[in-house]
């Protein structure tokens, strides 16, 4: 009966939640009845299960029948996840930008109508970009599923193609959603409010920025690469959100994306003068001990990011080849 359970799980794993429970119960009962019928005809239980499952065919194709699958920009399996993620990310980005607007207004004492209008226009443009990017990424995920389906359409499915057990979840949707939110918020802030990345001090009860963290003079060279890195982070996390069950193809894609983003990060920090060269001296003018702390912190953060990512990639590769 384990093969029946695995087959049913393979069939329903990509169905919308509102269909999944009903289809699981209905399909399991139907398969069990057909198996019993073949056993009454003299087949052993294993042979009866083999005949029934191979007659039903590839569980992915059977799942498509339940969905009445057609050509969609974003199909019915991904659409509920897409809408949920879009709402969460747009809320997070909108809230982040509003906070950034308030902070920028407090620092620079800007409360005139033109600033408010330009800020609202920037907020609208940012939300529009978030909508476009998430929609495009989900559409590409949908397209990749269709391409994979076309490649296997002519392949005869047998019970040997069935996984030995119910696939375990390797990550939660919450993890992927968190990654998308992080990437989207940083993309928006770094492109629309670069001045917010800096060291802030109180001087005569007024908030001032002692020095920008990032080198704005060279932003034209490093910003496109940072945007590419963040886009890769968003894409890999959208893949996690769209499909939380284990597959070698999915894991290999996520590992490749993480390696590429890490290489970009190291390359930008090492070769493109992304950190403001006067940061430490500017901070020292306000507070000498703090400047030493900031210098050490920047180095520590860089190496922590590198070591953690290398460790994660190594562990994921070990799990991938172990399976």
Protein backbone atom coordinates (compact mmCIF):
# COMPACT_ATOMS: atom_id res chain seq x y z
CA UNK A 1 0.00 0.00 0.00
CA UNK A 2 3.01 2.31 0.42
CA UNK A 3 3.32 2.67 -3.36
CA UNK A 4 -0.31 3.78 -3.55
CA UNK A 5 0.32 6.42 -0.87
CA UNK A 6 3.41 7.68 -2.69
CA UNK A 7 1.55 7.76 -6.02
CA UNK A 8 -1.35 9.72 -4.52
CA UNK A 9 1.03 12.20 -2.86
CA UNK A 10 2.90 12.68 -6.14
CA UNK A 11 -0.42 13.42 -7.84
CA UNK A 12 -1.80 15.92 -5.33
CA UNK A 13 1.40 17.67 -4.21
CA UNK A 14 1.01 20.47 -6.77
CA UNK A 15 -2.76 20.87 -6.51
CA UNK A 16 -4.30 23.95 -4.87
CA UNK A 17 -5.09 23.43 -1.21
CA UNK A 18 -8.86 23.54 -1.78
CA UNK A 19 -8.60 20.54 -4.15
CA UNK A 20 -5.83 18.56 -2.48
CA UNK A 21 -7.67 16.87 0.40
CA UNK A 22 -10.71 15.84 -1.66
CA UNK A 23 -8.61 14.51 -4.53
CA UNK A 24 -6.28 12.62 -2.17
CA UNK A 25 -9.18 10.80 -0.49
CA UNK A 26 -11.04 10.13 -3.74
CA UNK A 27 -7.98 8.89 -5.66
CA UNK A 28 -6.74 6.66 -2.84
CA UNK A 29 -10.16 5.00 -2.56
CA UNK A 30 -10.42 4.50 -6.33
CA UNK A 31 -6.96 2.95 -6.59
CA UNK A 32 -7.65 0.67 -3.60
CA UNK A 33 -10.89 -0.55 -5.17
CA UNK A 34 -9.18 -1.25 -8.51
CA UNK A 35 -6.36 -3.11 -6.74
CA UNK A 36 -8.89 -5.28 -4.87
CA UNK A 37 -10.67 -6.00 -8.14
CA UNK A 38 -7.43 -7.24 -9.76
CA UNK A 39 -6.64 -9.32 -6.67
CA UNK A 40 -10.03 -11.00 -7.02
CA UNK A 41 -8.96 -11.96 -10.55
CA UNK A 42 -5.95 -13.81 -9.13
CA UNK A 43 -3.14 -11.21 -9.17
CA UNK A 44 -0.89 -10.73 -6.17
CA UNK A 45 -1.17 -7.41 -4.34
CA UNK A 46 2.16 -6.10 -5.75
CA UNK A 47 1.20 -7.07 -9.32
CA UNK A 48 -2.27 -5.57 -8.90
CA UNK A 49 -0.80 -2.27 -7.67
CA UNK A 50 1.68 -2.25 -10.57
CA UNK A 51 -1.07 -2.79 -13.15
CA UNK A 52 -3.38 -0.15 -11.66
CA UNK A 53 -0.71 2.56 -11.26
CA UNK A 54 0.78 2.01 -14.72
CA UNK A 55 -2.69 2.16 -16.24
CA UNK A 56 -3.28 5.48 -14.49
CA UNK A 57 0.11 6.71 -15.77
CA UNK A 58 2.38 9.56 -14.77
CA UNK A 59 1.02 11.23 -11.62
CA UNK A 60 2.03 14.65 -12.99
CA UNK A 61 -0.19 14.17 -16.03
CA UNK A 62 -3.01 12.89 -13.84
CA UNK A 63 -2.63 16.01 -11.68
CA UNK A 64 -3.00 18.15 -14.81
CA UNK A 65 -6.35 16.49 -15.53
CA UNK A 66 -7.67 17.47 -12.11
CA UNK A 67 -6.56 21.03 -12.81
CA UNK A 68 -8.05 21.02 -16.31
CA UNK A 69 -4.69 22.52 -17.23
CA UNK A 70 -4.43 24.99 -20.11
CA UNK A 71 -1.83 27.51 -21.20
CA UNK A 72 -1.68 30.16 -18.48
CA UNK A 73 0.67 33.01 -17.76
CA UNK A 74 0.50 31.76 -14.16
CA UNK A 75 -1.33 28.47 -13.77
CA UNK A 76 -3.89 27.48 -11.12
CA UNK A 77 -1.27 25.66 -9.01
CA UNK A 78 0.99 28.71 -8.72
CA UNK A 79 -1.65 31.46 -8.76
CA UNK A 80 -2.73 31.29 -5.07
CA UNK A 81 0.93 31.34 -3.99
CA UNK A 82 1.65 34.19 -6.44
CA UNK A 83 -1.20 36.35 -5.10
CA UNK A 84 -0.25 35.69 -1.47
CA UNK A 85 3.42 36.46 -2.07
CA UNK A 86 2.61 39.57 -4.10
CA UNK A 87 0.44 40.99 -1.32
CA UNK A 88 3.04 40.31 1.37
CA UNK A 89 5.99 41.70 -0.61
CA UNK A 90 4.15 44.81 -1.82
CA UNK A 91 3.02 45.55 1.74
CA UNK A 92 6.58 45.09 3.06
CA UNK A 93 8.12 47.24 0.31
CA UNK A 94 5.45 49.92 0.70
CA UNK A 95 5.94 50.03 4.46
CA UNK A 96 9.73 50.12 4.06
CA UNK A 97 9.55 53.03 1.63
CA UNK A 98 7.14 54.98 3.83
CA UNK A 99 9.50 54.59 6.78
CA UNK A 100 12.40 55.63 4.54
CA UNK A 101 10.46 58.71 3.45
CA UNK A 102 9.81 59.69 7.07
CA UNK A 103 13.44 59.15 8.08
CA UNK A 104 14.71 61.12 5.07
CA UNK A 105 12.27 63.92 5.83
CA UNK A 106 13.43 64.07 9.46
CA UNK A 107 17.12 64.11 8.51
CA UNK A 108 16.88 66.71 5.76
CA UNK A 109 13.91 68.67 7.16
CA UNK A 110 11.94 68.25 3.94
CA UNK A 111 8.18 68.63 4.38
CA UNK A 112 7.19 70.61 1.29
CA UNK A 113 4.58 69.46 -1.23
CA UNK A 114 7.11 68.73 -3.98
CA UNK A 115 8.98 66.27 -1.72
CA UNK A 116 5.75 64.51 -0.75
CA UNK A 117 4.64 64.25 -4.39
CA UNK A 118 8.03 62.97 -5.59
CA UNK A 119 8.10 60.45 -2.74
CA UNK A 120 4.62 59.15 -3.61
CA UNK A 121 5.62 58.87 -7.28
CA UNK A 122 8.73 56.94 -6.23
CA UNK A 123 6.58 54.68 -4.04
CA UNK A 124 4.22 53.97 -6.95
CA UNK A 125 7.11 53.22 -9.32
CA UNK A 126 8.72 50.90 -6.77
CA UNK A 127 5.49 48.94 -6.20
CA UNK A 128 4.98 48.73 -9.96
CA UNK A 129 8.47 47.26 -10.35
CA UNK A 130 7.81 44.74 -7.55
CA UNK A 131 4.59 43.68 -9.27
CA UNK A 132 6.34 43.34 -12.63
CA UNK A 133 9.32 41.39 -11.30
CA UNK A 134 7.30 38.89 -9.26
CA UNK A 135 4.86 38.36 -12.13
CA UNK A 136 7.69 37.79 -14.62
CA UNK A 137 9.47 35.34 -12.29
CA UNK A 138 6.30 33.31 -11.64
CA UNK A 139 5.57 33.29 -15.38
CA UNK A 140 9.07 31.92 -16.04
CA UNK A 141 8.54 29.22 -13.39
CA UNK A 142 5.24 28.34 -15.08
CA UNK A 143 6.96 28.22 -18.47
CA UNK A 144 9.72 25.96 -17.17
CA UNK A 145 7.09 23.52 -15.90
CA UNK A 146 5.44 23.46 -19.33
CA UNK A 147 8.79 22.91 -21.08
CA UNK A 148 9.61 20.03 -18.73
CA UNK A 149 6.18 18.51 -19.37
CA UNK A 150 6.71 18.70 -23.16
CA UNK A 151 10.04 16.89 -22.84
CA UNK A 152 8.51 13.94 -21.00
CA UNK A 153 5.21 13.71 -22.88
CA UNK A 154 6.47 10.91 -25.13
CA UNK A 155 8.11 8.94 -22.33
CA UNK A 156 6.16 5.91 -21.09
CA UNK A 157 5.73 6.11 -17.33
CA UNK A 158 6.22 2.94 -15.28
CA UNK A 159 6.01 2.19 -11.59
CA UNK A 160 9.82 2.24 -11.47
CA UNK A 161 9.62 6.02 -11.98
CA UNK A 162 7.72 6.40 -8.72
CA UNK A 163 9.78 7.76 -5.78
CA UNK A 164 10.54 5.22 -3.07
CA UNK A 165 8.91 7.40 -0.45
CA UNK A 166 6.84 10.55 -0.07
CA UNK A 167 9.22 13.47 -0.86
CA UNK A 168 10.19 15.44 2.19
CA UNK A 169 9.94 19.21 2.27
CA UNK A 170 13.41 20.77 2.19
CA UNK A 171 12.31 24.28 2.95
CA UNK A 172 9.19 26.10 4.02
CA UNK A 173 7.31 28.69 2.06
CA UNK A 174 7.90 31.07 4.97
CA UNK A 175 11.66 30.84 4.32
CA UNK A 176 11.20 31.65 0.64
CA UNK A 177 8.77 34.50 1.37
CA UNK A 178 11.26 35.98 3.84
CA UNK A 179 14.00 35.84 1.20
CA UNK A 180 11.82 37.53 -1.41
CA UNK A 181 10.82 40.28 1.02
CA UNK A 182 14.45 40.90 2.00
CA UNK A 183 15.59 41.07 -1.63
CA UNK A 184 12.72 43.29 -2.76
CA UNK A 185 13.05 45.76 0.13
CA UNK A 186 16.82 46.09 -0.34
CA UNK A 187 16.44 46.53 -4.12
CA UNK A 188 13.94 49.34 -3.62
CA UNK A 189 15.87 51.11 -0.87
CA UNK A 190 19.25 50.88 -2.58
CA UNK A 191 17.83 52.25 -5.84
CA UNK A 192 15.49 54.92 -4.45
CA UNK A 193 16.96 55.86 -1.04
CA UNK A 194 20.70 55.25 -1.18
CA UNK A 195 21.29 58.04 1.36
CA UNK A 196 19.65 55.92 4.06
CA UNK A 197 22.69 53.60 4.06
CA UNK A 198 24.99 55.55 6.31
CA UNK A 199 26.16 56.28 9.85
CA UNK A 200 23.83 58.59 11.76
CA UNK A 201 24.55 60.86 14.74
CA UNK A 202 22.71 63.36 16.89
CA UNK A 203 24.20 66.84 16.77
CA UNK A 204 22.49 69.67 18.69
CA UNK A 205 19.38 67.48 19.00
CA UNK A 206 19.21 67.13 15.24
CA UNK A 207 19.76 63.93 13.29
CA UNK A 208 22.64 64.22 10.85
CA UNK A 209 24.44 61.67 8.74
CA UNK A 210 28.15 61.65 9.35
CA UNK A 211 29.02 59.72 6.23
CA UNK A 212 27.32 57.50 3.64
CA UNK A 213 28.14 53.82 3.97
CA UNK A 214 28.25 53.22 0.23
CA UNK A 215 30.43 54.95 -2.33
CA UNK A 216 27.96 56.99 -4.37
CA UNK A 217 30.70 58.25 -6.71
CA UNK A 218 31.17 54.72 -8.11
CA UNK A 219 27.51 53.64 -7.87
CA UNK A 220 27.17 53.48 -11.65
CA UNK A 221 29.69 50.62 -11.73
CA UNK A 222 28.62 48.53 -8.71
CA UNK A 223 24.85 49.18 -8.51
CA UNK A 224 23.92 47.10 -11.61
CA UNK A 225 25.85 44.14 -10.17
CA UNK A 226 24.19 44.51 -6.77
CA UNK A 227 20.80 44.65 -8.50
CA UNK A 228 21.69 41.47 -10.42
CA UNK A 229 22.72 39.74 -7.18
CA UNK A 230 19.48 40.75 -5.45
CA UNK A 231 17.44 39.65 -8.48
CA UNK A 232 19.08 36.22 -8.28
CA UNK A 233 18.25 36.03 -4.56
CA UNK A 234 14.62 36.92 -5.30
CA UNK A 235 14.37 34.38 -8.15
CA UNK A 236 15.81 31.50 -6.10
CA UNK A 237 13.45 32.28 -3.22
CA UNK A 238 10.45 32.46 -5.54
CA UNK A 239 11.39 28.96 -6.71
CA UNK A 240 11.34 27.86 -3.05
CA UNK A 241 7.91 29.42 -2.59
CA UNK A 242 6.51 27.88 -5.77
CA UNK A 243 7.67 24.34 -5.00
CA UNK A 244 8.64 23.29 -1.47
CA UNK A 245 9.06 19.58 -2.23
CA UNK A 246 12.48 18.10 -2.96
CA UNK A 247 13.74 17.59 -6.49
CA UNK A 248 17.33 17.41 -7.73
CA UNK A 249 16.64 19.89 -10.50
CA UNK A 250 15.19 22.43 -8.06
CA UNK A 251 18.01 22.01 -5.54
CA UNK A 252 20.69 22.26 -8.23
CA UNK A 253 19.11 25.49 -9.52
CA UNK A 254 19.00 27.02 -6.02
CA UNK A 255 22.63 26.03 -5.35
CA UNK A 256 23.74 27.54 -8.68
CA UNK A 257 21.87 30.79 -7.94
CA UNK A 258 23.43 31.02 -4.47
CA UNK A 259 26.93 30.46 -5.87
CA UNK A 260 26.46 33.09 -8.59
CA UNK A 261 25.13 35.66 -6.10
CA UNK A 262 28.05 34.95 -3.74
CA UNK A 263 30.59 35.36 -6.56
CA UNK A 264 28.99 38.68 -7.54
CA UNK A 265 29.04 39.87 -3.90
CA UNK A 266 32.72 39.01 -3.41
CA UNK A 267 33.66 40.51 -6.77
CA UNK A 268 31.85 43.79 -6.10
CA UNK A 269 33.27 44.22 -2.60
CA UNK A 270 36.80 43.24 -3.67
CA UNK A 271 37.12 45.22 -6.91
CA UNK A 272 34.54 48.01 -7.21
CA UNK A 273 35.12 50.32 -4.19
CA UNK A 274 31.54 49.88 -2.98
CA UNK A 275 32.36 51.17 0.53
CA UNK A 276 32.74 54.92 0.95
CA UNK A 277 36.54 55.51 1.23
CA UNK A 278 36.06 58.38 3.71
CA UNK A 279 33.65 56.45 5.97
CA UNK A 280 36.11 55.62 8.74
CA UNK A 281 37.71 59.07 8.86
CA UNK A 282 34.28 60.75 8.84
CA UNK A 283 33.09 58.57 11.72
CA UNK A 284 36.35 59.21 13.60
CA UNK A 285 35.63 62.95 13.46
CA UNK A 286 32.51 62.29 15.54
CA UNK A 287 33.69 59.36 17.64
CA UNK A 288 37.16 57.78 17.40
CA UNK A 289 36.33 54.47 19.21
CA UNK A 290 33.24 54.02 17.04
CA UNK A 291 35.34 54.34 13.87
CA UNK A 292 37.48 51.38 15.00
CA UNK A 293 34.32 49.40 15.72
CA UNK A 294 32.83 50.22 12.30
CA UNK A 295 36.03 49.20 10.51
CA UNK A 296 36.14 45.85 12.29
CA UNK A 297 32.41 45.31 11.82
CA UNK A 298 32.59 45.78 8.04
CA UNK A 299 35.35 43.15 7.75
CA UNK A 300 33.53 40.77 10.07
CA UNK A 301 30.21 41.08 8.20
CA UNK A 302 31.94 40.41 4.88
CA UNK A 303 33.61 37.21 6.10
CA UNK A 304 30.49 36.01 7.93
CA UNK A 305 28.47 36.34 4.72
CA UNK A 306 31.13 34.46 2.72
CA UNK A 307 31.64 31.66 5.26
CA UNK A 308 27.91 31.12 5.89
CA UNK A 309 27.13 30.96 2.16
CA UNK A 310 30.04 28.63 1.39
CA UNK A 311 28.93 26.39 4.26
CA UNK A 312 25.33 26.35 3.04
CA UNK A 313 26.38 25.54 -0.52
CA UNK A 314 28.65 22.73 0.69
CA UNK A 315 25.89 21.24 2.85
CA UNK A 316 23.33 21.46 0.03
CA UNK A 317 25.74 19.79 -2.40
CA UNK A 318 26.35 16.99 0.13
CA UNK A 319 22.59 16.43 0.50
CA UNK A 320 22.08 16.59 -3.27
CA UNK A 321 24.65 13.91 -4.09
CA UNK A 322 23.67 11.81 -1.11
CA UNK A 323 20.11 11.39 -2.39
